[in-house]
Every structure is written in structure tokens, then in C-alpha cells.
Amino acid sequence: MKILVINGVNLNMVGIREPELYGKRDFKSLVKLIKDEGKRLGISVTHFQSNSEGDICTKIQKAYEKYDGIVINAGAYTHTSIAILDALKAVAIPTVEVHISDIYSREEFRHKSYISLYAEKVIAGKGFDGYKEALQYFIHKGDC
């Protein structure tokens, strides 16, 4: 099984940006956790981060017929990007949306997620462990 994990805008700043919301662990720790969990589960994980909406769309398009699933935390693009939603719909790869913070208990504008219109599952407010849960979802989904 091959999973593409995409982190979007400003996720490279975790540990620095608003640690009361996102925690004090840095981005390097997040990437290590994702790769370690993939290894533990016996799945191939590719990680990608970009602050550019177009680069994220291109990465999703290039995933077509190459990945079994996508885990995405698009950051603020979650609430604004119809382009990322359209890219996900175009490639038709099962997708899990992840958010480190609980977007539903934050500002009103963060309650709307375009990605959730396509994603099979949304995980919010579980910190870095949300990524582990997303990877485990794909393993358990295959057991059904």
C-alpha cells in the first residue's frame, strides 16, 4: 500500500506558530512520526509539504494511479481552495483530511472545509496523532 501525505500552507511552522494550538513539537518531528507510523504499519509513505496551492494541486494530479490513498492537511487552504478539492476529485484517490487543531471549535470561518466535501474521513483536534489515525484508517479499510 502506498500513501501520499500532504501538508499545506504554514504546516512547516508547527512548533513555532501558535504552540498553544499546534503544540511545541516541530515539523521535522511530525514528518518522522508519519514515516515511523508508515513503517510500523508496513506501508510506503511519501511526504510532501508546500505553501503553494498550485504545487499541492500538481502533486495530487501526479499521484493519479500511483497511490492507494492520500492524507491531507491543507492548512488554511482547507477553507478556501476549490482547486485542491477539484484535484482530489479528479484523481479519485481515497482521501483522509487531517487537522492538528480542532477546526470546529475555532473561528467560524474555519468550520467550512472544501476538502471534506470529498474526503472519506475527517480527523481534527488530535494533534500529531491524527496522522497516525489516518494511516491506520487505510489499513483497517483494507480489512473490510
C-alpha atoms as a PDB file:
ATOM      1  CA  MET A   1       0.000   0.000   0.000  1.00  0.00           C
ATOM      2  CA  LYS A   2       1.247   3.455  -0.945  1.00  0.00           C
ATOM      3  CA  ILE A   3       0.014   6.579   0.835  1.00  0.00           C
ATOM      4  CA  LEU A   4       0.784  10.192  -0.037  1.00  0.00           C
ATOM      5  CA  VAL A   5       0.748  12.573   2.936  1.00  0.00           C
ATOM      6  CA  ILE A   6       0.365  16.233   2.005  1.00  0.00           C
ATOM      7  CA  ASN A   7       0.882  19.107   4.410  1.00  0.00           C
ATOM      8  CA  GLY A   8      -0.083  22.507   3.125  1.00  0.00           C
ATOM      9  CA  VAL A   9       0.428  26.129   3.898  1.00  0.00           C
ATOM     10  CA  ASN A  10       2.229  27.010   7.150  1.00  0.00           C
ATOM     11  CA  LEU A  11       2.389  23.415   8.399  1.00  0.00           C
ATOM     12  CA  ASN A  12       6.168  23.669   8.135  1.00  0.00           C
ATOM     13  CA  MET A  13       5.878  26.182  11.002  1.00  0.00           C
ATOM     14  CA  VAL A  14       4.395  23.824  13.611  1.00  0.00           C
ATOM     15  CA  GLY A  15       6.250  24.149  16.873  1.00  0.00           C
ATOM     16  CA  ILE A  16       6.817  27.834  16.128  1.00  0.00           C
ATOM     17  CA  ARG A  17       3.372  29.084  15.114  1.00  0.00           C
ATOM     18  CA  GLU A  18       0.799  29.248  17.913  1.00  0.00           C
ATOM     19  CA  PRO A  19       2.182  26.418  20.062  1.00  0.00           C
ATOM     20  CA  GLU A  20      -0.880  26.644  22.301  1.00  0.00           C
ATOM     21  CA  LEU A  21      -2.921  25.358  19.330  1.00  0.00           C
ATOM     22  CA  TYR A  22      -0.464  23.170  17.459  1.00  0.00           C
ATOM     23  CA  GLY A  23       1.902  22.041  20.193  1.00  0.00           C
ATOM     24  CA  LYS A  24       5.620  22.538  20.641  1.00  0.00           C
ATOM     25  CA  ARG A  25       6.879  19.642  18.540  1.00  0.00           C
ATOM     26  CA  ASP A  26       8.427  20.832  15.300  1.00  0.00           C
ATOM     27  CA  PHE A  27       7.736  19.926  11.676  1.00  0.00           C
ATOM     28  CA  LYS A  28      10.706  17.563  11.500  1.00  0.00           C
ATOM     29  CA  SER A  29       9.142  15.613  14.396  1.00  0.00           C
ATOM     30  CA  LEU A  30       5.834  15.433  12.530  1.00  0.00           C
ATOM     31  CA  VAL A  31       7.451  14.048   9.390  1.00  0.00           C
ATOM     32  CA  LYS A  32       9.378  11.482  11.460  1.00  0.00           C
ATOM     33  CA  LEU A  33       6.188  10.396  13.238  1.00  0.00           C
ATOM     34  CA  ILE A  34       4.406   9.939   9.891  1.00  0.00           C
ATOM     35  CA  LYS A  35       7.257   7.923   8.378  1.00  0.00           C
ATOM     36  CA  ASP A  36       7.702   5.810  11.531  1.00  0.00           C
ATOM     37  CA  GLU A  37       3.979   5.001  11.639  1.00  0.00           C
ATOM     38  CA  GLY A  38       4.030   4.039   7.967  1.00  0.00           C
ATOM     39  CA  LYS A  39       6.962   1.730   8.598  1.00  0.00           C
ATOM     40  CA  ARG A  40       5.230   0.224  11.647  1.00  0.00           C
ATOM     41  CA  LEU A  41       2.121  -0.455   9.573  1.00  0.00           C
ATOM     42  CA  GLY A  42       4.108  -1.844   6.646  1.00  0.00           C
ATOM     43  CA  ILE A  43       3.002   0.794   4.166  1.00  0.00           C
ATOM     44  CA  SER A  44       5.009   3.036   1.890  1.00  0.00           C
ATOM     45  CA  VAL A  45       4.546   6.693   2.843  1.00  0.00           C
ATOM     46  CA  THR A  46       5.631   9.657   0.765  1.00  0.00           C
ATOM     47  CA  HIS A  47       5.502  13.039   2.476  1.00  0.00           C
ATOM     48  CA  PHE A  48       5.086  16.366   0.677  1.00  0.00           C
ATOM     49  CA  GLN A  49       4.767  19.906   2.057  1.00  0.00           C
ATOM     50  CA  SER A  50       4.172  23.123   0.180  1.00  0.00           C
ATOM     51  CA  ASN A  51       2.955  26.620   0.907  1.00  0.00           C
ATOM     52  CA  SER A  52       1.780  26.890  -2.708  1.00  0.00           C
ATOM     53  CA  GLU A  53      -1.756  25.903  -3.683  1.00  0.00           C
ATOM     54  CA  GLY A  54      -0.681  25.169  -7.265  1.00  0.00           C
ATOM     55  CA  ASP A  55       2.141  22.884  -6.138  1.00  0.00           C
ATOM     56  CA  ILE A  56      -0.292  20.950  -3.946  1.00  0.00           C
ATOM     57  CA  CYS A  57      -2.690  20.524  -6.881  1.00  0.00           C
ATOM     58  CA  THR A  58       0.157  19.364  -9.118  1.00  0.00           C
ATOM     59  CA  LYS A  59       1.300  16.825  -6.508  1.00  0.00           C
ATOM     60  CA  ILE A  60      -2.244  15.474  -6.241  1.00  0.00           C
ATOM     61  CA  GLN A  61      -2.512  15.205 -10.023  1.00  0.00           C
ATOM     62  CA  LYS A  62       0.813  13.348 -10.225  1.00  0.00           C
ATOM     63  CA  ALA A  63      -0.495  10.886  -7.599  1.00  0.00           C
ATOM     64  CA  TYR A  64      -3.018   9.548 -10.103  1.00  0.00           C
ATOM     65  CA  GLU A  65      -2.724   5.754 -10.394  1.00  0.00           C
ATOM     66  CA  LYS A  66       0.407   5.812  -8.181  1.00  0.00           C
ATOM     67  CA  TYR A  67      -1.075   5.930  -4.650  1.00  0.00           C
ATOM     68  CA  ASP A  68      -3.732   3.972  -2.805  1.00  0.00           C
ATOM     69  CA  GLY A  69      -4.638   6.865  -0.518  1.00  0.00           C
ATOM     70  CA  ILE A  70      -3.991  10.483   0.348  1.00  0.00           C
ATOM     71  CA  VAL A  71      -3.765  12.034   3.812  1.00  0.00           C
ATOM     72  CA  ILE A  72      -4.041  15.801   3.559  1.00  0.00           C
ATOM     73  CA  ASN A  73      -3.801  18.719   5.941  1.00  0.00           C
ATOM     74  CA  ALA A  74      -4.069  21.664   3.581  1.00  0.00           C
ATOM     75  CA  GLY A  75      -3.821  24.222   6.385  1.00  0.00           C
ATOM     76  CA  ALA A  76      -5.752  27.408   5.584  1.00  0.00           C
ATOM     77  CA  TYR A  77      -6.333  26.162   2.015  1.00  0.00           C
ATOM     78  CA  THR A  78      -8.839  23.775   3.607  1.00  0.00           C
ATOM     79  CA  HIS A  79     -11.243  26.693   3.925  1.00  0.00           C
ATOM     80  CA  THR A  80     -10.545  28.437   0.623  1.00  0.00           C
ATOM     81  CA  SER A  81      -9.341  26.068  -2.080  1.00  0.00           C
ATOM     82  CA  ILE A  82     -11.849  24.741  -4.537  1.00  0.00           C
ATOM     83  CA  ALA A  83      -8.803  23.970  -6.721  1.00  0.00           C
ATOM     84  CA  ILE A  84      -7.464  21.406  -4.218  1.00  0.00           C
ATOM     85  CA  LEU A  85     -10.951  19.901  -3.898  1.00  0.00           C
ATOM     86  CA  ASP A  86     -11.193  19.619  -7.687  1.00  0.00           C
ATOM     87  CA  ALA A  87      -7.740  17.997  -7.918  1.00  0.00           C
ATOM     88  CA  LEU A  88      -8.744  15.391  -5.324  1.00  0.00           C
ATOM     89  CA  LYS A  89     -11.992  14.676  -7.152  1.00  0.00           C
ATOM     90  CA  ALA A  90     -10.154  14.405 -10.478  1.00  0.00           C
ATOM     91  CA  VAL A  91      -7.742  11.700  -9.323  1.00  0.00           C
ATOM     92  CA  ALA A  92     -10.418   9.840  -7.308  1.00  0.00           C
ATOM     93  CA  ILE A  93      -7.934   8.552  -4.710  1.00  0.00           C
ATOM     94  CA  PRO A  94      -9.434   7.760  -1.284  1.00  0.00           C
ATOM     95  CA  THR A  95      -8.596  10.690   1.000  1.00  0.00           C
ATOM     96  CA  VAL A  96      -8.487  11.397   4.725  1.00  0.00           C
ATOM     97  CA  GLU A  97      -8.441  15.028   5.860  1.00  0.00           C
ATOM     98  CA  VAL A  98      -6.405  15.775   8.999  1.00  0.00           C
ATOM     99  CA  HIS A  99      -6.155  18.857  11.210  1.00  0.00           C
ATOM    100  CA  ILE A 100      -3.840  19.144  14.211  1.00  0.00           C
ATOM    101  CA  SER A 101      -6.211  21.562  15.951  1.00  0.00           C
ATOM    102  CA  ASP A 102      -9.978  21.237  16.302  1.00  0.00           C
ATOM    103  CA  ILE A 103     -11.087  23.487  13.459  1.00  0.00           C
ATOM    104  CA  TYR A 104     -14.719  23.190  14.608  1.00  0.00           C
ATOM    105  CA  SER A 105     -14.022  24.891  17.946  1.00  0.00           C
ATOM    106  CA  ARG A 106     -12.047  27.739  16.417  1.00  0.00           C
ATOM    107  CA  GLU A 107     -13.086  30.794  14.385  1.00  0.00           C
ATOM    108  CA  GLU A 108     -16.294  30.433  12.379  1.00  0.00           C
ATOM    109  CA  PHE A 109     -14.509  30.669   9.009  1.00  0.00           C
ATOM    110  CA  ARG A 110     -12.507  27.533   9.864  1.00  0.00           C
ATOM    111  CA  HIS A 111     -15.659  25.432  10.203  1.00  0.00           C
ATOM    112  CA  LYS A 112     -16.074  25.231   6.412  1.00  0.00           C
ATOM    113  CA  SER A 113     -13.854  22.673   4.699  1.00  0.00           C
ATOM    114  CA  TYR A 114     -13.928  22.234   0.955  1.00  0.00           C
ATOM    115  CA  ILE A 115     -11.772  19.115   1.262  1.00  0.00           C
ATOM    116  CA  SER A 116     -14.355  17.420   3.483  1.00  0.00           C
ATOM    117  CA  LEU A 117     -16.750  17.512   0.521  1.00  0.00           C
ATOM    118  CA  TYR A 118     -14.554  14.754  -0.951  1.00  0.00           C
ATOM    119  CA  ALA A 119     -12.693  13.150   1.963  1.00  0.00           C
ATOM    120  CA  GLU A 120     -13.901   9.800   3.290  1.00  0.00           C
ATOM    121  CA  LYS A 121     -12.940  10.760   6.834  1.00  0.00           C
ATOM    122  CA  VAL A 122     -12.046  13.939   8.726  1.00  0.00           C
ATOM    123  CA  ILE A 123      -9.798  13.824  11.790  1.00  0.00           C
ATOM    124  CA  ALA A 124      -9.487  17.074  13.748  1.00  0.00           C
ATOM    125  CA  GLY A 125      -8.108  18.082  17.109  1.00  0.00           C
ATOM    126  CA  LYS A 126      -5.963  15.021  17.810  1.00  0.00           C
ATOM    127  CA  GLY A 127      -2.611  16.717  17.323  1.00  0.00           C
ATOM    128  CA  PHE A 128       0.086  14.777  15.504  1.00  0.00           C
ATOM    129  CA  ASP A 129      -1.698  11.535  16.405  1.00  0.00           C
ATOM    130  CA  GLY A 130      -4.370  12.420  13.846  1.00  0.00           C
ATOM    131  CA  TYR A 131      -1.887  11.477  11.116  1.00  0.00           C
ATOM    132  CA  LYS A 132      -1.326   8.078  12.725  1.00  0.00           C
ATOM    133  CA  GLU A 133      -5.081   7.538  12.868  1.00  0.00           C
ATOM    134  CA  ALA A 134      -5.379   8.482   9.189  1.00  0.00           C
ATOM    135  CA  LEU A 135      -2.727   5.948   8.149  1.00  0.00           C
ATOM    136  CA  GLN A 136      -4.380   3.282  10.314  1.00  0.00           C
ATOM    137  CA  TYR A 137      -7.710   4.062   8.627  1.00  0.00           C
ATOM    138  CA  PHE A 138      -6.329   2.894   5.289  1.00  0.00           C
ATOM    139  CA  ILE A 139      -5.039  -0.346   6.821  1.00  0.00           C
ATOM    140  CA  HIS A 140      -8.369  -1.111   8.508  1.00  0.00           C
ATOM    141  CA  LYS A 141     -10.324  -0.063   5.418  1.00  0.00           C
ATOM    142  CA  GLY A 142      -8.493  -2.793   3.519  1.00  0.00           C
ATOM    143  CA  ASP A 143      -9.646  -5.342   6.136  1.00  0.00           C
ATOM    144  CA  CYS A 144     -13.321  -4.720   5.303  1.00  0.00           C
END
